[in-house]
Protein backbone atom coordinates (compact mmCIF):
# COMPACT_ATOMS: atom_id res chain seq x y z
CA UNK A 1 128.10 -33.25 36.37
CA UNK A 2 131.40 -31.01 36.73
CA UNK A 3 128.72 -27.36 36.59
CA UNK A 4 127.09 -28.60 39.69
CA UNK A 5 129.69 -29.33 41.46
CA UNK A 6 131.80 -25.82 40.12
CA UNK A 7 128.38 -23.56 41.25
CA UNK A 8 130.12 -23.39 45.40
CA UNK A 9 133.15 -21.49 44.05
CA UNK A 10 130.74 -19.38 41.85
CA UNK A 11 129.21 -17.82 45.07
CA UNK A 12 129.38 -14.09 45.94
CA UNK A 13 130.67 -15.48 49.84
CA UNK A 14 133.89 -17.13 47.38
CA UNK A 15 134.59 -14.19 44.94
CA UNK A 16 138.54 -13.63 44.66
CA UNK A 17 138.92 -15.82 47.31
CA UNK A 18 142.19 -18.75 47.90
CA UNK A 19 141.16 -21.92 48.21
CA UNK A 20 143.19 -24.87 49.29
CA UNK A 21 142.61 -28.23 47.59
CA UNK A 22 143.97 -31.52 49.25
CA UNK A 23 143.75 -35.33 48.78
CA UNK A 24 144.75 -38.04 46.31
CA UNK A 25 144.80 -38.20 41.83
CA UNK A 26 140.86 -37.87 40.83
CA UNK A 27 138.54 -36.89 39.32
CA UNK A 28 137.10 -35.13 42.10
CA UNK A 29 140.22 -33.29 42.63
CA UNK A 30 140.66 -32.36 39.29
CA UNK A 31 136.91 -30.83 39.10
CA UNK A 32 137.54 -28.44 42.78
CA UNK A 33 140.96 -27.32 41.24
CA UNK A 34 138.97 -25.78 38.25
CA UNK A 35 135.92 -25.25 39.44
CA UNK A 36 138.16 -22.37 41.79
CA UNK A 37 139.85 -21.50 39.36
CA UNK A 38 136.72 -20.12 36.81
CA UNK A 39 134.64 -19.11 40.28
CA UNK A 40 137.73 -15.70 39.70
CA UNK A 41 139.37 -17.80 42.75
CA UNK A 42 142.92 -18.38 43.29
CA UNK A 43 143.85 -22.45 43.57
CA UNK A 44 146.35 -23.45 46.76
CA UNK A 45 147.35 -27.08 45.56
CA UNK A 46 148.63 -28.90 48.71
CA UNK A 47 150.71 -32.21 48.61
CA UNK A 48 149.27 -35.00 50.10
CA UNK A 49 152.20 -36.24 51.34
CA UNK A 50 153.00 -33.01 53.66
CA UNK A 51 153.30 -32.60 57.27
CA UNK A 52 150.24 -31.14 59.14
CA UNK A 53 152.48 -28.29 60.63
CA UNK A 54 153.42 -27.44 57.22
CA UNK A 55 150.19 -27.37 55.82
CA UNK A 56 149.82 -24.54 58.78
CA UNK A 57 151.00 -23.20 58.16
CA UNK A 58 151.04 -22.83 54.29
CA UNK A 59 147.07 -22.16 54.79
CA UNK A 60 148.22 -19.14 57.06
CA UNK A 61 150.73 -17.78 55.03
CA UNK A 62 148.79 -17.65 52.44
CA UNK A 63 145.25 -16.35 53.98
CA UNK A 64 143.24 -19.41 52.06
CA UNK A 65 138.96 -19.37 53.63
CA UNK A 66 137.99 -22.77 52.14
CA UNK A 67 139.43 -26.22 52.50
CA UNK A 68 138.45 -28.69 49.73
CA UNK A 69 139.72 -32.58 50.56
CA UNK A 70 138.93 -36.12 50.27
CA UNK A 71 138.18 -38.84 51.97
CA UNK A 72 141.78 -40.11 52.82
CA UNK A 73 141.73 -36.89 54.70
CA UNK A 74 139.09 -36.37 56.73
CA UNK A 75 141.57 -36.46 60.28
CA UNK A 76 143.96 -33.90 58.78
CA UNK A 77 140.86 -31.35 58.23
CA UNK A 78 139.73 -31.87 62.02
CA UNK A 79 143.48 -31.27 62.66
CA UNK A 80 143.85 -28.18 61.18
CA UNK A 81 139.72 -27.01 62.19
CA UNK A 82 141.30 -27.20 65.39
CA UNK A 83 145.40 -25.01 65.06
CA UNK A 84 143.37 -23.20 62.26
CA UNK A 85 141.53 -20.20 62.42
CA UNK A 86 142.14 -18.04 59.04
CA UNK A 87 139.77 -21.02 57.05
CA UNK A 88 136.49 -20.18 57.29
CA UNK A 89 135.01 -23.17 55.39
CA UNK A 90 135.94 -26.93 55.35
CA UNK A 91 134.24 -29.01 51.84
CA UNK A 92 134.44 -33.07 51.82
CA UNK A 93 135.01 -33.71 47.64
CA UNK A 94 132.26 -36.41 48.11
CA UNK A 95 129.88 -34.53 50.89
CA UNK A 96 130.10 -31.06 48.46
CA UNK A 97 129.27 -33.50 45.24
CA UNK A 98 126.33 -34.72 47.32
CA UNK A 99 125.06 -31.40 48.94
CA UNK A 100 125.57 -29.94 45.17
CA UNK A 101 123.39 -32.84 42.86
CA UNK A 102 120.86 -33.37 45.66
CA UNK A 103 119.89 -29.21 46.05
CA UNK A 104 120.10 -28.37 42.26
CA UNK A 105 119.07 -31.58 40.42
CA UNK A 106 115.82 -32.54 41.99
C-alpha cells in the first residue's frame, strides 16, 4: 500500500518539486514524507502548530508546488489556497490514499 500512495509523487509533473507536508503524527504523514523523498522531490515539513501567516511565508519563500495535509488541516489548506498562488496542487492525505487505491487496485 505504501508504494501505491507514493505513486502520486512519481508522476513526471512532480519531478524535482518541493512538496510541503503538514499534519499530526500518523501513518499517512510518514508515507507522504517518504513518498515525496523517494520520488526525487524535496519535502518541506511544516510544524502543525504554526500560524497560517508563517506557513504562507514558508511555502512562498521555499517555492512549494504541492501541499499534502491531513483532515485536521482542511480549513488551513483552504485558507492557504486563497493566499498562495505558487502552490498548484493540494492533497488531503486520506482522499489521496482513496484516489490512488481506487485508481490502481481495481
